[in-house]
Each structure stands twice: as structure tokens, then as C-alpha cells.
Protein backbone atom coordinates (compact mmCIF):
# COMPACT_ATOMS: atom_id res chain seq x y z
CA MET A 1 -30.51 -19.33 62.49
CA PRO A 2 -27.31 -17.66 61.41
CA ARG A 3 -26.10 -18.26 57.85
CA SER A 4 -22.99 -20.39 57.52
CA ARG A 5 -20.08 -18.72 55.79
CA LYS A 6 -18.42 -20.25 52.74
CA ARG A 7 -15.13 -21.75 53.80
CA THR A 8 -12.06 -21.48 51.61
CA PRO A 9 -10.75 -24.98 50.92
CA ARG A 10 -7.43 -25.53 52.65
CA ASN A 11 -6.15 -27.93 50.03
CA ARG A 12 -6.09 -25.49 47.08
CA SER A 13 -3.07 -25.74 44.84
CA ILE A 14 -0.51 -22.96 44.58
CA ARG A 15 -1.80 -22.27 41.06
CA GLN A 16 -5.38 -21.90 42.31
CA ARG A 17 -4.29 -19.54 45.06
CA ARG A 18 -2.28 -17.45 42.60
CA ARG A 19 -5.25 -17.29 40.22
CA ALA A 20 -7.55 -16.21 43.06
CA ARG A 21 -5.16 -13.41 44.04
CA GLN A 22 -4.97 -12.28 40.42
CA GLN A 23 -8.76 -12.25 40.12
CA ARG A 24 -9.04 -10.13 43.25
CA ALA A 25 -6.36 -7.75 41.95
CA ASN A 26 -8.14 -7.40 38.61
CA ALA A 27 -11.63 -7.02 40.02
CA GLY A 28 -13.26 -4.01 38.36
CA ARG A 29 -10.23 -3.31 36.22
CA ARG A 30 -10.63 -2.38 32.55
CA VAL A 31 -8.47 -4.54 30.31
CA VAL A 32 -9.31 -2.54 27.17
CA ALA A 33 -8.53 1.16 27.26
CA THR A 34 -9.64 3.96 24.97
CA LEU A 35 -7.48 7.05 25.43
CA ARG A 36 -8.69 10.62 25.17
CA PRO A 37 -6.39 13.59 24.48
CA GLY A 38 -4.20 14.27 27.51
CA GLU A 39 -5.17 11.02 29.24
CA SER A 40 -2.43 8.85 30.75
CA LEU A 41 -2.32 5.07 30.90
CA GLU A 42 -0.30 5.01 34.11
CA HIS A 43 -3.28 4.58 36.46
CA LEU A 44 -4.38 1.48 34.50
CA ILE A 45 -1.02 -0.28 34.21
CA THR A 46 -0.23 -2.94 36.81
CA PRO A 47 3.08 -4.74 37.48
CA GLU A 48 1.51 -7.76 35.78
CA ASP A 49 0.97 -5.68 32.62
CA VAL A 50 4.66 -4.75 32.55
CA GLU A 51 5.62 -8.40 32.95
CA ILE A 52 3.18 -9.45 30.23
CA LEU A 53 4.51 -6.80 27.84
CA GLN A 54 8.05 -8.07 28.33
CA LYS A 55 6.95 -11.65 27.69
CA ALA A 56 5.19 -10.56 24.51
CA LEU A 57 8.28 -8.70 23.30
CA ASP A 58 10.49 -11.69 24.11
CA ALA A 59 8.18 -13.99 22.12
CA GLU A 60 8.24 -11.61 19.14
CA VAL A 61 12.02 -11.51 18.90
CA ARG A 62 11.98 -15.33 18.85
CA GLY A 63 9.57 -15.21 15.90
CA ASP A 64 6.76 -16.69 18.02
CA ALA A 65 3.73 -14.67 16.88
CA THR A 66 1.23 -16.98 18.59
CA GLY A 67 2.93 -16.68 21.97
CA ALA A 68 3.32 -12.92 21.54
CA TRP A 69 -0.36 -12.50 20.69
CA GLN A 70 -1.49 -14.62 23.63
CA HIS A 71 0.66 -12.60 26.05
CA HIS A 72 -0.43 -9.32 24.49
CA MET A 73 -4.13 -10.18 24.78
CA SER A 74 -3.77 -11.18 28.45
CA GLY A 75 -2.73 -7.67 29.48
CA LEU A 76 -3.96 -4.13 29.05
CA ILE A 77 -4.92 -3.35 25.44
CA VAL A 78 -5.13 0.15 23.98
CA GLU A 79 -8.09 0.08 21.60
CA GLU A 80 -6.54 2.52 19.12
CA SER A 81 -3.41 0.38 18.69
CA LEU A 82 -3.06 -1.90 15.67
CA THR A 83 -0.47 -4.16 17.34
CA HIS A 84 -2.92 -6.83 18.51
CA HIS A 85 -4.49 -6.95 15.03
CA SER A 86 -1.17 -7.47 13.24
CA LEU A 87 0.03 -10.02 15.80
CA ARG A 88 -3.17 -12.00 15.48
CA GLU A 89 -2.83 -12.01 11.72
CA LEU A 90 0.69 -13.44 11.96
CA ALA A 91 -0.42 -15.93 14.60
CA VAL A 92 -3.33 -17.37 12.59
CA LEU A 93 -1.21 -17.61 9.45
CA GLY A 94 1.57 -19.46 11.26
CA ASP A 95 3.93 -21.08 8.77
CA ASP A 96 1.81 -19.71 5.91
CA ALA A 97 2.91 -16.14 6.72
CA PRO A 98 5.07 -15.04 3.76
CA ALA A 99 8.63 -13.96 4.48
CA TRP A 100 8.00 -10.36 3.39
CA MET A 101 5.27 -10.09 6.03
CA CYS A 102 7.75 -11.27 8.68
CA SER A 103 10.23 -8.65 7.47
CA ARG A 104 7.60 -5.94 7.94
CA TRP A 105 7.04 -7.40 11.41
CA ALA A 106 10.76 -7.08 12.17
CA VAL A 107 10.74 -3.43 11.11
CA ASP A 108 7.79 -2.78 13.41
CA GLN A 109 9.55 -4.59 16.25
CA SER A 110 12.68 -2.49 15.77
CA LEU A 111 10.65 0.71 16.18
CA ARG A 112 8.95 -0.51 19.37
CA TRP A 113 12.29 -1.79 20.70
CA MET A 114 13.79 1.67 20.33
CA LEU A 115 10.86 3.24 22.21
CA VAL A 116 10.82 0.65 25.01
CA CYS A 117 14.58 1.03 25.50
CA GLU A 118 14.20 4.84 25.52
CA ASP A 119 16.79 5.08 22.77
CA PRO A 120 18.00 8.71 22.63
CA ARG A 121 17.69 8.60 18.87
CA CYS A 122 13.90 8.56 19.26
CA ASP A 123 13.78 12.04 20.79
CA GLU A 124 16.24 13.34 18.22
CA ILE A 125 14.15 12.02 15.33
CA VAL A 126 10.90 13.32 16.85
CA ARG A 127 12.42 16.81 17.16
CA LEU A 128 13.63 16.66 13.55
CA VAL A 129 10.24 15.56 12.23
CA LEU A 130 8.36 18.10 14.36
CA ALA A 131 10.57 20.91 13.09
CA GLY A 132 10.45 19.81 9.46
CA LEU A 133 6.86 18.63 9.04
CA HIS A 134 4.82 19.83 12.04
CA ASP A 135 6.23 23.28 12.78
CA ASP A 136 2.85 24.98 12.47
CA GLN A 137 1.56 22.72 15.26
CA LEU A 138 4.50 23.60 17.49
CA GLU A 139 3.34 27.20 17.82
CA ARG A 140 0.22 26.14 19.70
CA LEU A 141 2.02 23.43 21.73
CA LEU A 142 5.11 25.21 23.05
CA ASP A 143 3.24 26.62 26.06
CA ASP A 144 1.69 23.27 26.97
CA LEU A 145 4.40 20.72 27.74
CA LEU A 146 1.90 17.90 28.28
CA ALA A 147 0.27 18.50 24.91
CA LEU A 148 3.71 18.78 23.26
CA LYS A 149 4.81 15.45 24.77
CA GLU A 150 1.57 13.82 23.68
CA TYR A 151 1.94 15.12 20.14
CA GLY A 152 5.55 13.91 20.01
CA THR A 153 4.39 10.46 21.14
CA LEU A 154 1.76 10.50 18.39
CA VAL A 155 4.47 11.28 15.85
CA ALA A 156 6.67 8.43 17.10
CA ALA A 157 3.72 6.02 16.96
CA THR A 158 2.13 6.95 13.63
CA ASP A 159 4.28 9.23 11.48
CA TRP A 160 5.58 7.43 8.39
CA VAL A 161 8.55 9.79 8.09
CA TYR A 162 9.60 9.19 11.71
CA GLN A 163 9.36 5.42 11.19
CA GLN A 164 11.44 5.50 8.01
CA LEU A 165 14.14 7.63 9.59
CA ALA A 166 14.26 5.58 12.81
CA ALA A 167 14.38 2.17 11.15
CA TYR A 168 16.68 3.00 8.24
CA GLU A 169 18.58 6.29 8.15
CA TYR A 170 19.24 6.21 11.92
CA GLY A 171 20.02 2.48 11.93
CA GLY A 172 17.34 1.19 14.30
CA LEU A 173 16.55 -1.87 12.18
CA ARG A 174 20.22 -2.78 11.82
CA ASP A 175 20.80 -2.51 15.56
CA PHE A 176 17.67 -4.53 16.35
CA LEU A 177 18.79 -7.34 14.05
CA ASP A 178 22.30 -7.34 15.55
CA VAL A 179 21.41 -6.93 19.23
CA ARG A 180 17.87 -8.15 19.91
CA ALA A 181 16.46 -10.44 17.20
CA GLU A 182 16.92 -14.18 17.73
CA GLY A 183 17.33 -17.05 15.32
CA GLY A 184 13.66 -18.03 15.17
CA LEU A 185 12.76 -14.59 13.83
CA LEU A 186 15.84 -14.10 11.66
CA GLU A 187 15.16 -17.37 9.83
CA ARG A 188 11.73 -16.09 8.75
CA LEU A 189 12.92 -12.80 7.22
CA ASP A 190 13.10 -11.95 3.53
CA HIS A 191 16.31 -10.33 2.20
CA ILE A 192 16.34 -8.19 5.34
CA ASP A 193 19.97 -7.10 4.94
CA GLU A 194 19.06 -5.61 1.56
CA TRP A 195 16.01 -3.94 3.10
CA GLU A 196 18.27 -2.27 5.65
CA ARG A 197 20.51 -0.86 2.89
CA SER A 198 17.69 0.29 0.59
CA ALA A 199 17.03 3.96 -0.24
CA ILE A 200 13.84 5.97 -0.58
CA SER A 201 12.84 7.33 -3.97
CA SER A 202 9.76 8.77 -5.68
CA TYR A 203 7.49 6.95 -8.09
CA GLU A 204 4.52 7.32 -10.36
CA LEU A 205 1.97 4.51 -9.91
CA VAL A 206 1.44 3.60 -13.56
CA GLY A 207 -1.12 0.81 -13.24
CA VAL A 208 -2.14 -2.56 -11.82
CA ARG A 209 -2.03 -5.85 -13.68
CA ASP A 210 -2.97 -9.04 -11.86
CA ASP A 211 -0.81 -9.17 -8.72
CA VAL A 212 1.66 -6.55 -9.97
CA ILE A 213 1.86 -2.76 -9.65
CA GLU A 214 3.80 -1.06 -12.42
CA VAL A 215 5.69 2.02 -11.20
CA ARG A 216 8.01 4.56 -12.80
CA ARG A 217 10.95 5.83 -10.74
CA LEU A 218 11.24 9.56 -11.30
CA SER A 219 14.97 9.89 -10.63
CA ASP A 220 15.93 7.88 -13.73
CA ASP A 221 12.61 7.18 -15.52
CA VAL A 222 13.03 3.41 -15.00
CA THR A 223 9.86 1.28 -14.88
CA GLU A 224 9.60 -1.48 -12.28
CA GLU A 225 7.08 -4.16 -11.38
CA LEU A 226 6.22 -4.55 -7.68
CA LEU A 227 4.09 -6.95 -5.65
CA ASN A 228 0.57 -5.51 -5.44
CA LEU A 229 -0.40 -5.17 -1.79
CA GLY A 230 -2.78 -2.27 -2.34
CA ALA A 231 -0.57 0.80 -2.74
CA THR A 232 -2.96 2.22 -5.34
CA THR A 233 -5.99 1.77 -3.07
CA ASP A 234 -7.71 5.10 -2.35
CA ILE A 235 -5.35 7.05 -4.65
CA GLY A 236 -5.45 5.08 -7.92
CA PRO A 237 -3.01 4.70 -10.82
CA GLY A 238 -1.42 7.94 -11.97
CA ALA A 239 -0.69 9.08 -8.41
CA TYR A 240 2.79 10.00 -7.17
CA VAL A 241 4.31 8.49 -4.05
CA VAL A 242 7.48 8.46 -1.99
CA GLY A 243 8.55 5.00 -0.88
CA ARG A 244 11.28 2.46 -0.30
CA VAL A 245 11.39 -0.43 -2.78
CA VAL A 246 12.94 -3.60 -1.35
CA PRO A 247 13.56 -7.15 -2.66
CA THR A 248 11.28 -10.07 -1.86
CA SER A 249 11.31 -13.77 -2.68
CA ALA A 250 7.71 -13.51 -3.96
CA TRP A 251 6.99 -12.67 -7.61
CA PRO A 252 7.81 -10.13 -9.04
CA PHE A 253 10.65 -10.10 -6.47
CA ALA A 254 10.31 -6.46 -5.39
CA MET A 255 7.80 -4.54 -3.26
CA PHE A 256 7.25 -1.37 -1.28
CA GLU A 257 8.70 -1.83 2.22
CA SER A 258 5.50 -0.26 3.58
CA ARG A 259 2.61 1.63 2.03
CA PRO A 260 4.26 4.55 0.20
CA LEU A 261 3.41 8.16 1.05
CA PRO A 262 1.15 9.93 -1.50
CA VAL A 263 2.52 13.33 -2.60
CA ASP A 264 1.98 15.85 -5.38
CA VAL A 265 4.01 15.66 -8.56
CA GLU A 266 6.22 18.66 -7.64
CA THR A 267 7.22 17.06 -4.35
CA ALA A 268 7.83 13.72 -6.05
CA ARG A 269 10.19 15.33 -8.55
CA ALA A 270 11.99 17.20 -5.76
CA VAL A 271 12.53 13.93 -3.86
CA GLY A 272 14.06 12.33 -6.95
CA GLU A 273 16.34 15.29 -7.59
CA ARG A 274 17.49 15.64 -3.98
CA MET A 275 18.20 11.92 -3.62
CA SER A 276 20.38 12.10 -6.72
CA SER A 277 22.37 15.06 -5.41
CA GLU A 278 22.21 14.91 -1.61
CA GLY A 279 22.02 11.21 -0.67
CA ASP A 280 20.22 9.47 2.19
CA PHE A 281 18.41 12.44 3.78
CA GLY A 282 17.53 14.21 0.54
CA TRP A 283 13.98 12.83 0.58
CA PHE A 284 13.35 14.23 4.07
CA TRP A 285 14.47 17.74 3.15
CA ALA A 286 12.31 17.61 0.01
CA LEU A 287 9.27 16.72 2.16
CA ALA A 288 10.14 19.47 4.65
CA GLU A 289 10.30 21.95 1.80
CA ALA A 290 6.93 20.71 0.50
CA HIS A 291 5.46 21.22 3.97
CA GLY A 292 6.88 24.73 4.14
CA ASP A 293 5.34 25.53 0.75
CA GLY A 294 1.93 24.22 1.84
CA ARG A 295 1.91 21.12 -0.37
CA LEU A 296 2.21 18.66 2.53
CA PRO A 297 -0.06 19.61 5.47
CA SER A 298 0.78 18.74 9.08
CA GLY A 299 -0.55 15.29 9.85
CA ALA A 300 -0.49 14.08 6.25
CA THR A 301 2.41 11.78 7.09
CA CYS A 302 0.45 10.28 10.03
CA ARG A 303 -2.38 8.88 7.89
CA ASN A 304 -0.49 6.04 6.24
CA THR A 305 -0.79 3.31 8.88
CA THR A 306 -1.73 -0.15 7.58
CA LEU A 307 -1.66 -3.73 8.72
CA TRP A 308 1.28 -5.83 7.65
CA SER A 309 -0.33 -8.10 5.06
CA THR A 310 -1.72 -5.26 3.01
CA ASP A 311 -1.17 -1.65 2.01
CA VAL A 312 -4.89 -0.96 2.40
CA ILE A 313 -5.51 1.53 5.19
CA PRO A 314 -7.85 -0.12 7.72
CA ASP A 315 -11.23 1.41 8.46
CA ARG A 316 -11.20 2.05 12.21
CA GLY A 317 -14.80 3.22 12.26
CA ARG A 318 -17.68 1.00 13.22
CA SER A 319 -20.53 0.42 10.83
CA THR A 320 -23.80 1.82 12.14
CA GLY A 321 -25.93 0.66 9.20
CA GLU A 322 -27.97 -2.52 8.94
CA PRO A 323 -26.24 -5.56 7.40
CA SER A 324 -27.06 -6.19 3.74
CA PRO A 325 -29.50 -9.02 2.94
CA ARG A 326 -26.57 -11.22 1.84
CA MET A 327 -24.69 -10.52 5.05
CA ARG A 328 -27.82 -11.25 7.05
CA ASP A 329 -28.17 -14.62 5.28
CA LEU A 330 -24.55 -15.48 6.06
CA MET A 331 -24.92 -14.44 9.70
CA ASN A 332 -28.09 -16.53 9.99
CA ALA A 333 -25.99 -19.43 8.69
CA GLY A 334 -23.71 -19.01 11.69
CA LEU A 335 -20.98 -16.64 10.50
CA SER A 336 -19.85 -13.71 12.61
CA GLU A 337 -20.53 -10.22 11.27
CA TYR A 338 -16.82 -9.76 10.51
CA VAL A 339 -16.47 -13.03 8.57
CA ALA A 340 -19.78 -12.44 6.76
CA ASN A 341 -18.60 -8.99 5.69
CA CYS A 342 -15.30 -10.42 4.40
CA VAL A 343 -17.17 -13.11 2.44
CA THR A 344 -19.29 -10.43 0.74
CA VAL A 345 -16.13 -8.47 -0.16
CA VAL A 346 -14.70 -11.56 -1.85
CA GLU A 347 -18.01 -12.15 -3.64
CA VAL A 348 -17.78 -8.62 -5.06
CA GLY A 349 -14.33 -9.62 -6.31
CA LEU A 350 -15.90 -12.62 -8.08
CA ILE A 351 -18.45 -10.31 -9.71
CA VAL A 352 -15.67 -7.97 -10.88
CA ALA A 353 -13.78 -10.99 -12.27
CA GLU A 354 -16.88 -12.13 -14.17
CA VAL A 355 -17.62 -8.71 -15.63
CA SER A 356 -14.10 -7.54 -16.49
CA GLY A 357 -11.99 -10.68 -16.61
CA ASP A 358 -9.66 -9.35 -13.97
CA VAL A 359 -9.86 -8.53 -10.29
CA GLY A 360 -8.50 -4.99 -10.72
CA ALA A 361 -8.47 -2.52 -7.87
CA ILE A 362 -10.43 -4.79 -5.53
CA ALA A 363 -7.60 -7.37 -5.44
CA SER A 364 -6.11 -5.86 -2.30
CA HIS A 365 -9.46 -5.94 -0.51
CA VAL A 366 -9.85 -9.60 -1.46
CA THR A 367 -6.37 -10.26 -0.09
CA ALA A 368 -7.09 -8.41 3.15
CA SER A 369 -10.28 -10.46 3.59
CA MET A 370 -9.00 -13.89 2.64
CA ILE A 371 -5.79 -13.65 4.64
CA ASP A 372 -7.92 -14.72 7.61
CA PRO A 373 -8.28 -18.54 7.70
CA ARG A 374 -11.81 -18.18 9.12
CA VAL A 375 -12.88 -16.42 5.91
CA HIS A 376 -11.21 -19.09 3.79
CA ASP A 377 -13.09 -21.79 5.71
CA ALA A 378 -16.39 -19.90 5.31
CA LEU A 379 -15.83 -19.62 1.56
CA ARG A 380 -15.41 -23.40 1.33
CA HIS A 381 -19.03 -23.62 2.45
CA HIS A 382 -20.53 -20.46 0.93
CA GLY A 383 -18.30 -19.61 -2.05
CA VAL A 384 -18.01 -22.89 -3.94
CA GLU A 385 -20.47 -23.18 -6.83
CA PRO A 386 -20.46 -24.76 -10.29
CA GLY A 387 -19.19 -22.24 -12.82
CA ARG A 388 -17.10 -20.28 -10.32
CA GLY A 389 -13.87 -22.17 -11.01
CA PRO A 390 -12.61 -19.75 -13.70
CA LEU A 391 -13.55 -16.76 -11.54
CA TRP A 392 -11.56 -18.08 -8.56
CA ARG A 393 -8.60 -18.52 -10.92
CA VAL A 394 -8.89 -14.86 -11.92
CA LEU A 395 -8.75 -13.92 -8.23
CA ALA A 396 -5.76 -16.23 -7.77
CA ALA A 397 -3.89 -14.43 -10.57
CA GLY A 398 -4.42 -11.08 -8.85
CA THR A 399 -3.51 -11.97 -5.26
CA PRO A 400 -0.27 -12.91 -3.47
CA SER A 401 0.46 -16.03 -1.39
CA PRO A 402 -1.10 -17.49 0.69
CA VAL A 403 -4.35 -16.06 -0.73
CA ARG A 404 -3.43 -17.23 -4.24
CA GLU A 405 -3.24 -20.85 -3.13
CA ARG A 406 -6.56 -20.53 -1.27
CA CYS A 407 -8.26 -19.16 -4.40
CA LEU A 408 -6.86 -22.05 -6.47
CA GLU A 409 -8.21 -24.55 -3.93
CA LEU A 410 -11.66 -22.94 -4.15
CA ALA A 411 -11.40 -23.04 -7.95
CA GLU A 412 -10.76 -26.78 -7.83
CA LEU A 413 -13.66 -27.33 -5.42
CA SER A 414 -15.98 -25.34 -7.72
CA GLU A 415 -14.86 -27.34 -10.73
CA GLN A 416 -15.44 -30.61 -8.84
CA ALA A 417 -18.93 -29.37 -7.93
CA ALA A 418 -19.64 -28.79 -11.62
CA ALA A 419 -18.42 -32.26 -12.67
């Protein structure tokens, strides 16, 4: 007896029919892409991806991080990109996202806006940065136009110097705010007009105290206090950096606009001197000179990428080791590996607070972990114990909002548990 065929219902809604067509179109399609050198995305991109990208960009300029993240995650995702991570962070924080974080988001949007619009300034800046800081790479790339284009794209996507020039000295941020940004985003920004007018200088990272980094500006030997978002992580106090200090409404009312660029002391002094005598582009020429003298290798300016709530450089590698016994206990209690790992990081912070009376260099790692509401919720169940109240208050003193308020809540819960 012949098998009967499944009949397609004739009363399906327009939405159901559209969904069915989309499922057929996406059958077998990879929605997460990992790119190899020389590989193009063009064969993976569909018209729907282009439409989704535009919707995500439109949501961002309205200040709607949740909508932008949802659109972004529904299309093609490049695994190496940090965009979906930073958008998710803003989305889960919602109204708790501090204004300085939204200002960093606006800077990032301005850079992507310039690239999407194929702003001619992008090519001009890439050529300038390639000539000044990557000239030794050009020698091997000039005969391979594909490799040259790929390297230029890498510079536009990851080079800190390119990003600073594009957003500030070439006016990309100002134009984005005037032409593209909408009221919902503009209302969330923190002294952004003063950010746009700020200048780069060089600094010595003197030390960390609670939630403050003390720095010394080399051009005039003035000491400043800045919000500690982890600029000393991996390089430590005593290091020299080039960065852009901007105002913020959060104590101590000033911060690095992004993670500053580590340099040697000679380069730092040259930046200070050139900015005093040559103005806006003096810092770039000082870095180009340092590169020419061998003090700033090609690629050194492309290793400074962070997420927007922290100046800690994210670890893009995957752990291949076995979880620690504590992590295993937390995972057996129902936590994901990521949340369990973040909880253990915060617990190390509590140990540091107990031993030294201050959270010290691990403060930025605690911030990066507790910025996620899932970790905060897990700590309500696994981090509240009698006697921990004072330790949570030490962590609160060393972390910015909204993590500070979360630590204070956990301190109160620990103190109630002890009563």
C-alpha cells in the first residue's frame, strides 16, 4: 500500500508561511562563522543578514541595547568579534549601565558607522597608520593586494591608534553625534561633548587605591585620580601609558576613555613633549618615531581591545583544563561553567580582602565578573555567609557602580545571616 504524503495545511498564517520559507532558506547554513586568513564572509551573508545588521544599527543609535543585541544574535555572527559580547553586557545591565559605559558604546558606534558608510576618512586613516606604525609589514604585503586589504581591515577593526584618530582627531565621533545618534542614546551619555574635545597625553600609572588609579601626567608632572577600570591589569603600577583622560559623573569624576596604550618611558616622554609643542597629532608622530626606532613593534597597537565595562583584556582562549573542585561543586549545584568561574574569581577577591584589607589588583577582575547579573544572583546563594559582611564592603570600596551596590547588598545579606 503506498505511503500517504504529508499535506501542507492550507490555512497557515502568513507568518507561518514566512517562517517556513526562512527555515528552508537557512537549512544547512552556519550562523556562527570563524574566519581564517584570506577568507571572505560574502558567501555566508544573505539579504536577511544585511537587513538584520541595519536593524541592529538602528536600535543602537536609539540607545536600545536589548533590541540591538536581539537583532545581532539573529543574524550571522563572526566568532572573533567582541560586538555581541559588549551588546549583551549593555542589554543585561539595562538602566543600571553607567553613563560612562554608554559613552564608550557611542564611540564604538561612531567607528562602525564610519566603516558601514564607507567614509573616505577610513581609508585615509588606515594608510596613515600603516605607514607610521606597520611599515615593516607593508614590504611583504605590497605584492598581495588581498593580503594588504585584509591587513588594512584588521587595522581598522583592532588598532587603538586608528580608533583614536578616527573618533577624535578626524571628527568621526562628533559627526556621529550630530548626524546619526538619536535622543534615546544621547540622553544616556556622560559628558560626551567634553570627551570629543579631549586630548591624548602620556602618564605614569603610580598606583591603585580602592576604586581609584593614581596617575602622573608627564607633560606637566600633575597627579590625577581616575576611575579604576583595570588599566594597570597585566602591566602593573609604575608602567607608562598613552591615553585620553575624559570626565565622568562617577567618582573620582575622570577616567581613561579606553584602555590606555602601554609604552616605554622614552616614548611616553616624547608624547608629552610633542603634544606640548605640536598639538593634536603630536602623540601620533611620537608613536611613529618609537616604531621606527624599534620601541613599538608592529601589532603592538592592535593588542589593546577590551570590553566596555572594563579595561581588562578578555581572554579569548578556551580553557582545556579540568574545573577546580570548587567550580565543580558550583556546577553540580546548577551553575553554568561561565558563572561558576566568575563566582570563584569573586571568591578570590574576598580572600584577598581578608588577607590584605583591600581588593588591590584583582578589583577589575571582580568588576568584570560581577557586572553580569547572573553572577550577582549566584552570589546571593553561594557567596553570603556570616562573617563575610566586612569583606564584601572592602570589595564595594574597590569597585565602580553598579558592582559597588551589588557588593553592599551582599554585605547586608551576610550581616543578616550572622545576626
